[in-house]
Amino acid sequence: MSKKLKVVMTVKLPDGVETRFRELFNTTLWLNKNPMPREALLDAAQTAEVLVSSINDRIDEAFFEAAGEQLKMIANFGVGHDHIDIAKAVEKGIIVTNTPGVLTEDTAEMTMGLIIAVSRRFIEGAETVQRGEFSAWSPTFLMGRRIYGKRLGIVGMGRIGQALARRARAFGMQVHYHNRKPVSARISEELEATYWDDLDQMLARMDVVSINAPGSPSTFHLLSAERLALLQPHAILVNTARGQIVDEEALAHLLKANRIAGVGLDVYERATAISPELFGLPNAVLLPHMASSTVEARTDMGDRVILNIKTLQDGHRPPDRVIPAML
């Protein structure tokens, strides 16, 4: 039987997942629902053989300098890994893994939900009833726009983008997309999707734009102030990917000036430091980074982390190793 690896968790996970960790590994749990403080994180780097991290942790050069020789692996609880200095990890000989493929359906569901909520003004309607202000029906009250027949422009046609496209087709939307390269002919035919190699041209023609691209230096402010200004006045923008892809200040300015119809955001440029200009706008649906927040997704993510660590413990290569693009 393999020696149990010393695993330190920086994040509170569902009880069932944590119990399985304790069964398989020599695990130190983090039972606080708040993120692990920086000092505790650096202490963990000096004792753990495997660190189970999350997007809340800053795994940077200073972290790796503090890490002890025993640290073999950082098992990230999540798909995104832009908070981890992957190149430095490789230099130190530390494996980094993530949990790809387990959040696809949940994120696509949330994205579709935001498209509908913003288009049909669900939040405004619900708040009107909660305030006790619904006294009579009126033909012109809180009129939104139907999504049937509208053009959806997807920025980033990976797993989540394709899952969103399937849902959008079921609602009768016309699917367009921008990606580094076109999807396969089979997928394009299935989704009846129109490819645009020029992002600017696509943005100017869409009724709804959804951001589903990964976060990276190349996608930082991909939707800049100049590109946002290309959107039509009736268009809505939804982002459930990475907040840094959109120039948040420019977006807030367009909303306040009624230059676009609305936004649905689950992610923000500066994490929880949301631009104050977005608050109080009736055409902005703002969610607390909950696109993957389902019992099923969190359990699947935990199982994926366990698989990666168990594979390492058994002397094999973890299946979800993250490799820098330049390698």
C-alpha atoms as a PDB file:
ATOM      1  CA  MET A   1       0.000   0.000   0.000  1.00  0.00           C
ATOM      2  CA  SER A   2       1.298   3.488  -0.918  1.00  0.00           C
ATOM      3  CA  LYS A   3       2.303   5.848   1.881  1.00  0.00           C
ATOM      4  CA  LYS A   4      -0.447   8.390   2.447  1.00  0.00           C
ATOM      5  CA  LEU A   5       0.533  11.813   1.179  1.00  0.00           C
ATOM      6  CA  LYS A   6       0.379  14.792   3.520  1.00  0.00           C
ATOM      7  CA  VAL A   7      -2.423  16.923   2.047  1.00  0.00           C
ATOM      8  CA  VAL A   8      -3.276  20.424   3.299  1.00  0.00           C
ATOM      9  CA  MET A   9      -6.493  22.051   2.133  1.00  0.00           C
ATOM     10  CA  THR A  10      -6.830  25.824   1.855  1.00  0.00           C
ATOM     11  CA  VAL A  11     -10.575  25.796   1.224  1.00  0.00           C
ATOM     12  CA  LYS A  12     -13.684  24.355   2.895  1.00  0.00           C
ATOM     13  CA  LEU A  13     -15.226  21.622   0.727  1.00  0.00           C
ATOM     14  CA  PRO A  14     -18.488  19.649   1.058  1.00  0.00           C
ATOM     15  CA  ASP A  15     -18.431  17.265   4.025  1.00  0.00           C
ATOM     16  CA  GLY A  16     -18.630  14.129   1.884  1.00  0.00           C
ATOM     17  CA  VAL A  17     -15.640  15.222  -0.180  1.00  0.00           C
ATOM     18  CA  GLU A  18     -13.618  16.062   2.925  1.00  0.00           C
ATOM     19  CA  THR A  19     -14.427  12.688   4.468  1.00  0.00           C
ATOM     20  CA  ARG A  20     -13.110  10.924   1.374  1.00  0.00           C
ATOM     21  CA  PHE A  21      -9.918  12.999   1.580  1.00  0.00           C
ATOM     22  CA  ARG A  22      -9.409  11.884   5.178  1.00  0.00           C
ATOM     23  CA  GLU A  23      -9.894   8.236   4.163  1.00  0.00           C
ATOM     24  CA  LEU A  24      -7.345   8.363   1.339  1.00  0.00           C
ATOM     25  CA  PHE A  25      -4.708  10.840   2.512  1.00  0.00           C
ATOM     26  CA  ASN A  26      -3.100  12.291   5.621  1.00  0.00           C
ATOM     27  CA  THR A  27      -5.317  15.368   5.327  1.00  0.00           C
ATOM     28  CA  THR A  28      -5.417  18.639   7.226  1.00  0.00           C
ATOM     29  CA  LEU A  29      -8.793  20.266   6.584  1.00  0.00           C
ATOM     30  CA  TRP A  30      -9.527  23.991   6.428  1.00  0.00           C
ATOM     31  CA  LEU A  31     -12.862  24.311   8.222  1.00  0.00           C
ATOM     32  CA  ASN A  32     -13.260  28.090   7.975  1.00  0.00           C
ATOM     33  CA  LYS A  33     -15.544  29.267   5.161  1.00  0.00           C
ATOM     34  CA  ASN A  34     -13.300  32.311   4.653  1.00  0.00           C
ATOM     35  CA  PRO A  35     -10.146  31.931   2.515  1.00  0.00           C
ATOM     36  CA  MET A  36      -6.956  30.791   4.205  1.00  0.00           C
ATOM     37  CA  PRO A  37      -4.895  33.844   5.284  1.00  0.00           C
ATOM     38  CA  ARG A  38      -1.642  34.481   3.454  1.00  0.00           C
ATOM     39  CA  GLU A  39       0.532  33.650   6.479  1.00  0.00           C
ATOM     40  CA  ALA A  40      -1.221  30.310   6.957  1.00  0.00           C
ATOM     41  CA  LEU A  41      -0.863  29.574   3.236  1.00  0.00           C
ATOM     42  CA  LEU A  42       2.903  30.124   3.378  1.00  0.00           C
ATOM     43  CA  ASP A  43       3.086  27.903   6.484  1.00  0.00           C
ATOM     44  CA  ALA A  44       1.181  25.183   4.624  1.00  0.00           C
ATOM     45  CA  ALA A  45       3.717  25.370   1.783  1.00  0.00           C
ATOM     46  CA  GLN A  46       6.395  24.310   4.260  1.00  0.00           C
ATOM     47  CA  THR A  47       4.566  21.200   5.520  1.00  0.00           C
ATOM     48  CA  ALA A  48       2.308  19.890   2.747  1.00  0.00           C
ATOM     49  CA  GLU A  49       3.278  17.346   0.144  1.00  0.00           C
ATOM     50  CA  VAL A  50       0.108  18.282  -1.724  1.00  0.00           C
ATOM     51  CA  LEU A  51      -1.672  21.605  -1.379  1.00  0.00           C
ATOM     52  CA  VAL A  52      -5.365  21.686  -2.370  1.00  0.00           C
ATOM     53  CA  SER A  53      -5.818  25.298  -3.425  1.00  0.00           C
ATOM     54  CA  SER A  54      -8.565  27.493  -4.845  1.00  0.00           C
ATOM     55  CA  ILE A  55      -8.887  30.725  -6.804  1.00  0.00           C
ATOM     56  CA  ASN A  56      -8.668  32.628  -3.490  1.00  0.00           C
ATOM     57  CA  ASP A  57      -5.016  31.652  -3.025  1.00  0.00           C
ATOM     58  CA  ARG A  58      -2.161  33.664  -4.532  1.00  0.00           C
ATOM     59  CA  ILE A  59       0.326  30.996  -5.574  1.00  0.00           C
ATOM     60  CA  ASP A  60       3.076  33.314  -6.738  1.00  0.00           C
ATOM     61  CA  GLU A  61       6.862  33.500  -6.746  1.00  0.00           C
ATOM     62  CA  ALA A  62       6.953  34.362  -3.041  1.00  0.00           C
ATOM     63  CA  PHE A  63       4.878  31.263  -2.291  1.00  0.00           C
ATOM     64  CA  PHE A  64       7.282  29.008  -4.198  1.00  0.00           C
ATOM     65  CA  GLU A  65      10.280  30.603  -2.489  1.00  0.00           C
ATOM     66  CA  ALA A  66       8.672  29.788   0.872  1.00  0.00           C
ATOM     67  CA  ALA A  67       7.749  26.221  -0.132  1.00  0.00           C
ATOM     68  CA  GLY A  68       9.677  23.343   1.385  1.00  0.00           C
ATOM     69  CA  GLU A  69      11.377  20.587  -0.581  1.00  0.00           C
ATOM     70  CA  GLN A  70       8.565  18.196   0.376  1.00  0.00           C
ATOM     71  CA  LEU A  71       5.924  20.029  -1.742  1.00  0.00           C
ATOM     72  CA  LYS A  72       5.210  17.819  -4.744  1.00  0.00           C
ATOM     73  CA  MET A  73       1.904  19.065  -6.093  1.00  0.00           C
ATOM     74  CA  ILE A  74      -0.670  21.861  -6.076  1.00  0.00           C
ATOM     75  CA  ALA A  75      -4.093  20.353  -6.771  1.00  0.00           C
ATOM     76  CA  ASN A  76      -6.302  23.261  -7.729  1.00  0.00           C
ATOM     77  CA  PHE A  77      -9.998  23.012  -6.874  1.00  0.00           C
ATOM     78  CA  GLY A  78     -11.256  24.653 -10.054  1.00  0.00           C
ATOM     79  CA  VAL A  79     -10.595  24.935 -13.762  1.00  0.00           C
ATOM     80  CA  GLY A  80      -8.977  28.376 -13.899  1.00  0.00           C
ATOM     81  CA  HIS A  81      -5.360  28.554 -12.792  1.00  0.00           C
ATOM     82  CA  ASP A  82      -4.326  32.139 -13.587  1.00  0.00           C
ATOM     83  CA  HIS A  83      -3.758  32.691  -9.834  1.00  0.00           C
ATOM     84  CA  ILE A  84      -0.904  30.157  -9.955  1.00  0.00           C
ATOM     85  CA  ASP A  85       2.556  30.920 -11.367  1.00  0.00           C
ATOM     86  CA  ILE A  86       2.711  27.764 -13.479  1.00  0.00           C
ATOM     87  CA  ALA A  87       6.140  28.539 -14.939  1.00  0.00           C
ATOM     88  CA  LYS A  88       7.606  28.904 -11.452  1.00  0.00           C
ATOM     89  CA  ALA A  89       5.996  25.645 -10.390  1.00  0.00           C
ATOM     90  CA  VAL A  90       7.617  23.852 -13.333  1.00  0.00           C
ATOM     91  CA  GLU A  91      10.961  25.429 -12.474  1.00  0.00           C
ATOM     92  CA  LYS A  92      10.611  24.082  -8.926  1.00  0.00           C
ATOM     93  CA  GLY A  93       9.519  20.655 -10.141  1.00  0.00           C
ATOM     94  CA  ILE A  94       6.055  20.996  -8.572  1.00  0.00           C
ATOM     95  CA  ILE A  95       3.096  19.500 -10.427  1.00  0.00           C
ATOM     96  CA  VAL A  96      -0.025  21.647 -10.851  1.00  0.00           C
ATOM     97  CA  THR A  97      -3.409  20.090 -11.647  1.00  0.00           C
ATOM     98  CA  ASN A  98      -6.906  21.459 -12.147  1.00  0.00           C
ATOM     99  CA  THR A  99     -10.432  20.075 -12.617  1.00  0.00           C
ATOM    100  CA  PRO A 100     -11.369  20.426 -16.301  1.00  0.00           C
ATOM    101  CA  GLY A 101     -14.659  19.329 -17.793  1.00  0.00           C
ATOM    102  CA  VAL A 102     -16.697  19.123 -14.586  1.00  0.00           C
ATOM    103  CA  LEU A 103     -18.165  22.655 -14.607  1.00  0.00           C
ATOM    104  CA  THR A 104     -19.303  22.785 -18.212  1.00  0.00           C
ATOM    105  CA  GLU A 105     -23.017  22.106 -17.878  1.00  0.00           C
ATOM    106  CA  ASP A 106     -23.471  24.145 -14.701  1.00  0.00           C
ATOM    107  CA  THR A 107     -21.738  27.205 -16.149  1.00  0.00           C
ATOM    108  CA  ALA A 108     -23.669  26.926 -19.404  1.00  0.00           C
ATOM    109  CA  GLU A 109     -26.931  26.728 -17.424  1.00  0.00           C
ATOM    110  CA  MET A 110     -26.055  29.862 -15.463  1.00  0.00           C
ATOM    111  CA  THR A 111     -25.060  31.718 -18.608  1.00  0.00           C
ATOM    112  CA  MET A 112     -28.340  30.856 -20.308  1.00  0.00           C
ATOM    113  CA  GLY A 113     -30.176  31.878 -17.164  1.00  0.00           C
ATOM    114  CA  LEU A 114     -28.479  35.274 -17.161  1.00  0.00           C
ATOM    115  CA  ILE A 115     -29.292  35.818 -20.828  1.00  0.00           C
ATOM    116  CA  ILE A 116     -32.973  35.216 -20.085  1.00  0.00           C
ATOM    117  CA  ALA A 117     -32.985  37.147 -16.796  1.00  0.00           C
ATOM    118  CA  VAL A 118     -31.449  40.254 -18.341  1.00  0.00           C
ATOM    119  CA  SER A 119     -33.483  40.103 -21.550  1.00  0.00           C
ATOM    120  CA  ARG A 120     -36.806  39.600 -19.720  1.00  0.00           C
ATOM    121  CA  ARG A 121     -35.952  41.813 -16.697  1.00  0.00           C
ATOM    122  CA  PHE A 122     -36.645  39.050 -14.172  1.00  0.00           C
ATOM    123  CA  ILE A 123     -34.760  40.680 -11.284  1.00  0.00           C
ATOM    124  CA  GLU A 124     -36.549  43.995 -11.676  1.00  0.00           C
ATOM    125  CA  GLY A 125     -39.888  42.180 -11.712  1.00  0.00           C
ATOM    126  CA  ALA A 126     -39.105  40.075  -8.659  1.00  0.00           C
ATOM    127  CA  GLU A 127     -37.937  43.116  -6.690  1.00  0.00           C
ATOM    128  CA  THR A 128     -41.108  45.004  -7.625  1.00  0.00           C
ATOM    129  CA  VAL A 129     -43.237  42.231  -6.109  1.00  0.00           C
ATOM    130  CA  GLN A 130     -40.998  41.931  -3.026  1.00  0.00           C
ATOM    131  CA  ARG A 131     -41.390  45.660  -2.369  1.00  0.00           C
ATOM    132  CA  GLY A 132     -45.163  45.315  -2.526  1.00  0.00           C
ATOM    133  CA  GLU A 133     -45.389  47.585  -5.567  1.00  0.00           C
ATOM    134  CA  PHE A 134     -47.293  45.224  -7.869  1.00  0.00           C
ATOM    135  CA  SER A 135     -50.795  46.654  -7.789  1.00  0.00           C
ATOM    136  CA  ALA A 136     -52.060  46.185 -11.352  1.00  0.00           C
ATOM    137  CA  TRP A 137     -51.049  44.631 -14.646  1.00  0.00           C
ATOM    138  CA  SER A 138     -50.124  47.018 -17.446  1.00  0.00           C
ATOM    139  CA  PRO A 139     -49.311  46.228 -21.096  1.00  0.00           C
ATOM    140  CA  THR A 140     -46.226  48.490 -21.066  1.00  0.00           C
ATOM    141  CA  PHE A 141     -44.817  47.636 -17.611  1.00  0.00           C
ATOM    142  CA  LEU A 142     -41.258  46.162 -17.499  1.00  0.00           C
ATOM    143  CA  MET A 143     -41.191  45.239 -21.154  1.00  0.00           C
ATOM    144  CA  GLY A 144     -38.143  43.165 -22.020  1.00  0.00           C
ATOM    145  CA  ARG A 145     -37.128  41.489 -25.265  1.00  0.00           C
ATOM    146  CA  ARG A 146     -37.708  37.910 -26.341  1.00  0.00           C
ATOM    147  CA  ILE A 147     -34.616  35.834 -27.005  1.00  0.00           C
ATOM    148  CA  TYR A 148     -36.248  33.657 -29.679  1.00  0.00           C
ATOM    149  CA  GLY A 149     -34.777  34.536 -33.058  1.00  0.00           C
ATOM    150  CA  LYS A 150     -32.020  36.720 -31.611  1.00  0.00           C
ATOM    151  CA  ARG A 151     -28.357  36.469 -32.565  1.00  0.00           C
ATOM    152  CA  LEU A 152     -26.030  35.194 -29.832  1.00  0.00           C
ATOM    153  CA  GLY A 153     -22.322  35.915 -30.215  1.00  0.00           C
ATOM    154  CA  ILE A 154     -20.149  33.558 -28.168  1.00  0.00           C
ATOM    155  CA  VAL A 155     -16.595  34.716 -27.439  1.00  0.00           C
ATOM    156  CA  GLY A 156     -14.681  31.483 -26.847  1.00  0.00           C
ATOM    157  CA  MET A 157     -16.094  28.258 -28.292  1.00  0.00           C
ATOM    158  CA  GLY A 158     -14.617  25.677 -25.953  1.00  0.00           C
ATOM    159  CA  ARG A 159     -16.569  23.167 -23.867  1.00  0.00           C
ATOM    160  CA  ILE A 160     -18.698  25.797 -22.130  1.00  0.00           C
ATOM    161  CA  GLY A 161     -19.248  27.854 -25.264  1.00  0.00           C
ATOM    162  CA  GLN A 162     -20.497  24.783 -27.103  1.00  0.00           C
ATOM    163  CA  ALA A 163     -22.744  23.742 -24.206  1.00  0.00           C
ATOM    164  CA  LEU A 164     -24.215  27.254 -24.198  1.00  0.00           C
ATOM    165  CA  ALA A 165     -24.717  27.110 -27.968  1.00  0.00           C
ATOM    166  CA  ARG A 166     -26.762  23.913 -27.626  1.00  0.00           C
ATOM    167  CA  ARG A 167     -29.011  25.549 -25.063  1.00  0.00           C
ATOM    168  CA  ALA A 168     -29.344  28.706 -27.130  1.00  0.00           C
ATOM    169  CA  ARG A 169     -30.373  26.692 -30.184  1.00  0.00           C
ATOM    170  CA  ALA A 170     -33.104  25.032 -28.115  1.00  0.00           C
ATOM    171  CA  PHE A 171     -34.429  28.532 -27.345  1.00  0.00           C
ATOM    172  CA  GLY A 172     -34.449  29.421 -31.028  1.00  0.00           C
ATOM    173  CA  MET A 173     -31.410  31.702 -31.017  1.00  0.00           C
ATOM    174  CA  GLN A 174     -29.016  32.051 -33.948  1.00  0.00           C
ATOM    175  CA  VAL A 175     -25.511  31.052 -32.841  1.00  0.00           C
ATOM    176  CA  HIS A 176     -22.424  33.005 -33.890  1.00  0.00           C
ATOM    177  CA  TYR A 177     -18.960  32.703 -32.380  1.00  0.00           C
ATOM    178  CA  HIS A 178     -15.413  34.025 -32.334  1.00  0.00           C
ATOM    179  CA  ASN A 179     -12.567  31.690 -31.479  1.00  0.00           C
ATOM    180  CA  ARG A 180      -8.867  31.326 -32.239  1.00  0.00           C
ATOM    181  CA  LYS A 181      -9.893  28.852 -34.914  1.00  0.00           C
ATOM    182  CA  PRO A 182     -13.181  27.416 -36.172  1.00  0.00           C
ATOM    183  CA  VAL A 183     -14.667  24.378 -34.469  1.00  0.00           C
ATOM    184  CA  SER A 184     -14.843  21.131 -36.401  1.00  0.00           C
ATOM    185  CA  ALA A 185     -17.270  20.850 -39.297  1.00  0.00           C
ATOM    186  CA  ARG A 186     -19.300  18.299 -37.317  1.00  0.00           C
ATOM    187  CA  ILE A 187     -19.802  20.645 -34.354  1.00  0.00           C
ATOM    188  CA  SER A 188     -20.439  23.626 -36.595  1.00  0.00           C
ATOM    189  CA  GLU A 189     -23.137  21.716 -38.447  1.00  0.00           C
ATOM    190  CA  GLU A 190     -24.705  20.425 -35.220  1.00  0.00           C
ATOM    191  CA  LEU A 191     -24.897  23.924 -33.742  1.00  0.00           C
ATOM    192  CA  GLU A 192     -25.642  25.684 -37.024  1.00  0.00           C
ATOM    193  CA  ALA A 193     -22.993  28.135 -35.869  1.00  0.00           C
ATOM    194  CA  THR A 194     -21.519  31.014 -37.862  1.00  0.00           C
ATOM    195  CA  TYR A 195     -17.801  31.639 -37.351  1.00  0.00           C
ATOM    196  CA  TRP A 196     -16.286  35.127 -37.255  1.00  0.00           C
ATOM    197  CA  ASP A 197     -12.513  35.490 -37.409  1.00  0.00           C
ATOM    198  CA  ASP A 198     -12.924  39.241 -36.814  1.00  0.00           C
ATOM    199  CA  LEU A 199     -14.255  39.846 -33.301  1.00  0.00           C
ATOM    200  CA  ASP A 200     -15.107  43.490 -33.994  1.00  0.00           C
ATOM    201  CA  GLN A 201     -17.358  42.576 -36.897  1.00  0.00           C
ATOM    202  CA  MET A 202     -19.223  39.995 -34.833  1.00  0.00           C
ATOM    203  CA  LEU A 203     -19.742  42.275 -31.822  1.00  0.00           C
ATOM    204  CA  ALA A 204     -21.337  44.991 -33.950  1.00  0.00           C
ATOM    205  CA  ARG A 205     -24.005  42.593 -35.242  1.00  0.00           C
ATOM    206  CA  MET A 206     -25.095  40.632 -32.166  1.00  0.00           C
ATOM    207  CA  ASP A 207     -28.169  40.998 -29.948  1.00  0.00           C
ATOM    208  CA  VAL A 208     -26.529  39.072 -27.097  1.00  0.00           C
ATOM    209  CA  VAL A 209     -22.799  38.578 -26.423  1.00  0.00           C
ATOM    210  CA  SER A 210     -21.546  35.909 -24.012  1.00  0.00           C
ATOM    211  CA  ILE A 211     -17.953  35.757 -22.750  1.00  0.00           C
ATOM    212  CA  ASN A 212     -16.767  32.151 -22.454  1.00  0.00           C
ATOM    213  CA  ALA A 213     -13.041  32.533 -23.096  1.00  0.00           C
ATOM    214  CA  PRO A 214     -10.292  31.575 -20.628  1.00  0.00           C
ATOM    215  CA  GLY A 215      -8.427  34.190 -18.644  1.00  0.00           C
ATOM    216  CA  SER A 216      -4.880  34.859 -19.864  1.00  0.00           C
ATOM    217  CA  PRO A 217      -2.620  37.802 -20.724  1.00  0.00           C
ATOM    218  CA  SER A 218      -3.858  37.559 -24.319  1.00  0.00           C
ATOM    219  CA  THR A 219      -7.518  37.926 -23.272  1.00  0.00           C
ATOM    220  CA  PHE A 220      -7.026  40.753 -20.733  1.00  0.00           C
ATOM    221  CA  HIS A 221      -9.484  43.524 -21.754  1.00  0.00           C
ATOM    222  CA  LEU A 222     -10.261  41.623 -24.921  1.00  0.00           C
ATOM    223  CA  LEU A 223     -13.501  43.554 -24.700  1.00  0.00           C
ATOM    224  CA  SER A 224     -11.881  46.957 -24.373  1.00  0.00           C
ATOM    225  CA  ALA A 225     -13.701  50.286 -24.247  1.00  0.00           C
ATOM    226  CA  GLU A 226     -13.341  50.528 -28.011  1.00  0.00           C
ATOM    227  CA  ARG A 227     -14.818  47.083 -28.599  1.00  0.00           C
ATOM    228  CA  LEU A 228     -17.635  47.566 -26.104  1.00  0.00           C
ATOM    229  CA  ALA A 229     -18.603  50.706 -27.977  1.00  0.00           C
ATOM    230  CA  LEU A 230     -19.281  48.530 -31.032  1.00  0.00           C
ATOM    231  CA  LEU A 231     -22.244  46.842 -29.322  1.00  0.00           C
ATOM    232  CA  GLN A 232     -25.695  47.850 -30.490  1.00  0.00           C
ATOM    233  CA  PRO A 233     -27.850  49.916 -28.081  1.00  0.00           C
ATOM    234  CA  HIS A 234     -30.298  47.012 -27.638  1.00  0.00           C
ATOM    235  CA  ALA A 235     -27.533  44.436 -27.032  1.00  0.00           C
ATOM    236  CA  ILE A 236     -26.826  42.706 -23.727  1.00  0.00           C
ATOM    237  CA  LEU A 237     -23.516  41.313 -22.477  1.00  0.00           C
ATOM    238  CA  VAL A 238     -23.114  38.272 -20.212  1.00  0.00           C
ATOM    239  CA  ASN A 239     -19.850  37.187 -18.585  1.00  0.00           C
ATOM    240  CA  THR A 240     -19.473  33.947 -16.609  1.00  0.00           C
ATOM    241  CA  ALA A 241     -15.833  33.361 -17.614  1.00  0.00           C
ATOM    242  CA  ARG A 242     -13.182  35.779 -16.285  1.00  0.00           C
ATOM    243  CA  GLY A 243     -13.805  39.351 -15.192  1.00  0.00           C
ATOM    244  CA  GLN A 244     -10.495  40.648 -16.549  1.00  0.00           C
ATOM    245  CA  ILE A 245     -11.648  39.979 -20.105  1.00  0.00           C
ATOM    246  CA  VAL A 246     -13.964  43.010 -19.945  1.00  0.00           C
ATOM    247  CA  ASP A 247     -13.008  46.617 -19.210  1.00  0.00           C
ATOM    248  CA  GLU A 248     -15.381  46.968 -16.264  1.00  0.00           C
ATOM    249  CA  GLU A 249     -15.195  50.753 -15.950  1.00  0.00           C
ATOM    250  CA  ALA A 250     -15.976  51.224 -19.639  1.00  0.00           C
ATOM    251  CA  LEU A 251     -18.846  48.753 -19.358  1.00  0.00           C
ATOM    252  CA  ALA A 252     -20.358  50.626 -16.421  1.00  0.00           C
ATOM    253  CA  HIS A 253     -20.099  53.889 -18.363  1.00  0.00           C
ATOM    254  CA  LEU A 254     -21.985  52.404 -21.328  1.00  0.00           C
ATOM    255  CA  LEU A 255     -24.703  51.053 -19.042  1.00  0.00           C
ATOM    256  CA  LYS A 256     -25.222  54.335 -17.233  1.00  0.00           C
ATOM    257  CA  ALA A 257     -25.412  56.151 -20.573  1.00  0.00           C
ATOM    258  CA  ASN A 258     -27.926  53.567 -21.898  1.00  0.00           C
ATOM    259  CA  ARG A 259     -25.539  52.760 -24.734  1.00  0.00           C
ATOM    260  CA  ILE A 260     -26.260  49.057 -24.221  1.00  0.00           C
ATOM    261  CA  ALA A 261     -29.430  47.435 -22.889  1.00  0.00           C
ATOM    262  CA  GLY A 262     -28.048  45.409 -19.982  1.00  0.00           C
ATOM    263  CA  VAL A 263     -25.462  43.057 -18.519  1.00  0.00           C
ATOM    264  CA  GLY A 264     -25.397  39.823 -16.565  1.00  0.00           C
ATOM    265  CA  LEU A 265     -22.146  39.359 -14.639  1.00  0.00           C
ATOM    266  CA  ASP A 266     -20.953  36.508 -12.431  1.00  0.00           C
ATOM    267  CA  VAL A 267     -17.280  37.553 -12.505  1.00  0.00           C
ATOM    268  CA  TYR A 268     -15.544  40.900 -12.081  1.00  0.00           C
ATOM    269  CA  GLU A 269     -12.294  42.509 -13.120  1.00  0.00           C
ATOM    270  CA  ARG A 270     -10.978  42.865  -9.568  1.00  0.00           C
ATOM    271  CA  ALA A 271     -12.584  39.795  -7.957  1.00  0.00           C
ATOM    272  CA  THR A 272     -14.887  41.007  -5.160  1.00  0.00           C
ATOM    273  CA  ALA A 273     -13.829  44.676  -5.558  1.00  0.00           C
ATOM    274  CA  ILE A 274     -16.670  45.391  -7.975  1.00  0.00           C
ATOM    275  CA  SER A 275     -16.841  48.782  -9.638  1.00  0.00           C
ATOM    276  CA  PRO A 276     -19.244  50.940  -7.565  1.00  0.00           C
ATOM    277  CA  GLU A 277     -20.552  52.332 -10.854  1.00  0.00           C
ATOM    278  CA  LEU A 278     -22.327  49.008 -11.472  1.00  0.00           C
ATOM    279  CA  PHE A 279     -24.348  49.109  -8.264  1.00  0.00           C
ATOM    280  CA  GLY A 280     -27.925  50.299  -8.362  1.00  0.00           C
ATOM    281  CA  LEU A 281     -28.308  49.992 -12.124  1.00  0.00           C
ATOM    282  CA  PRO A 282     -31.635  48.341 -13.024  1.00  0.00           C
ATOM    283  CA  ASN A 283     -30.151  46.871 -16.207  1.00  0.00           C
ATOM    284  CA  ALA A 284     -27.274  45.095 -14.418  1.00  0.00           C
ATOM    285  CA  VAL A 285     -27.797  41.597 -12.967  1.00  0.00           C
ATOM    286  CA  LEU A 286     -24.827  40.981 -10.656  1.00  0.00           C
ATOM    287  CA  LEU A 287     -24.159  37.535  -9.175  1.00  0.00           C
ATOM    288  CA  PRO A 288     -21.523  36.425  -6.607  1.00  0.00           C
ATOM    289  CA  HIS A 289     -19.409  34.079  -8.774  1.00  0.00           C
ATOM    290  CA  MET A 290     -21.889  31.206  -8.516  1.00  0.00           C
ATOM    291  CA  ALA A 291     -21.937  29.765 -12.049  1.00  0.00           C
ATOM    292  CA  SER A 292     -20.587  26.408 -10.864  1.00  0.00           C
ATOM    293  CA  SER A 293     -22.309  26.475  -7.478  1.00  0.00           C
ATOM    294  CA  THR A 294     -24.251  23.222  -7.557  1.00  0.00           C
ATOM    295  CA  VAL A 295     -24.008  20.200  -5.291  1.00  0.00           C
ATOM    296  CA  GLU A 296     -23.170  18.069  -8.318  1.00  0.00           C
ATOM    297  CA  ALA A 297     -20.388  20.332  -9.587  1.00  0.00           C
ATOM    298  CA  ARG A 298     -18.692  20.721  -6.221  1.00  0.00           C
ATOM    299  CA  THR A 299     -18.771  16.963  -5.666  1.00  0.00           C
ATOM    300  CA  ASP A 300     -17.414  16.281  -9.153  1.00  0.00           C
ATOM    301  CA  MET A 301     -14.645  18.835  -8.616  1.00  0.00           C
ATOM    302  CA  GLY A 302     -13.674  17.168  -5.347  1.00  0.00           C
ATOM    303  CA  ASP A 303     -13.635  13.753  -6.996  1.00  0.00           C
ATOM    304  CA  ARG A 304     -11.386  15.116  -9.743  1.00  0.00           C
ATOM    305  CA  VAL A 305      -8.932  16.557  -7.219  1.00  0.00           C
ATOM    306  CA  ILE A 306      -8.903  13.237  -5.369  1.00  0.00           C
ATOM    307  CA  LEU A 307      -8.208  11.360  -8.617  1.00  0.00           C
ATOM    308  CA  ASN A 308      -5.194  13.561  -9.360  1.00  0.00           C
ATOM    309  CA  ILE A 309      -3.740  13.188  -5.877  1.00  0.00           C
ATOM    310  CA  LYS A 310      -4.402   9.437  -5.695  1.00  0.00           C
ATOM    311  CA  THR A 311      -2.713   8.965  -9.058  1.00  0.00           C
ATOM    312  CA  LEU A 312       0.375  10.782  -7.768  1.00  0.00           C
ATOM    313  CA  GLN A 313       0.284   8.781  -4.518  1.00  0.00           C
ATOM    314  CA  ASP A 314       0.232   5.558  -6.524  1.00  0.00           C
ATOM    315  CA  GLY A 315       3.326   6.626  -8.449  1.00  0.00           C
ATOM    316  CA  HIS A 316       1.699   7.665 -11.713  1.00  0.00           C
ATOM    317  CA  ARG A 317       1.264  10.906 -13.648  1.00  0.00           C
ATOM    318  CA  PRO A 318      -1.872  12.867 -12.658  1.00  0.00           C
ATOM    319  CA  PRO A 319      -4.312  13.107 -15.583  1.00  0.00           C
ATOM    320  CA  ASP A 320      -5.089  16.828 -15.244  1.00  0.00           C
ATOM    321  CA  ARG A 321      -1.585  18.251 -15.111  1.00  0.00           C
ATOM    322  CA  VAL A 322      -1.388  21.907 -16.204  1.00  0.00           C
ATOM    323  CA  ILE A 323       1.468  22.609 -18.621  1.00  0.00           C
ATOM    324  CA  PRO A 324       2.558  26.138 -19.563  1.00  0.00           C
ATOM    325  CA  ALA A 325       1.809  26.985 -23.200  1.00  0.00           C
ATOM    326  CA  MET A 326       5.476  27.617 -23.969  1.00  0.00           C
ATOM    327  CA  LEU A 327       6.518  24.068 -22.989  1.00  0.00           C
END
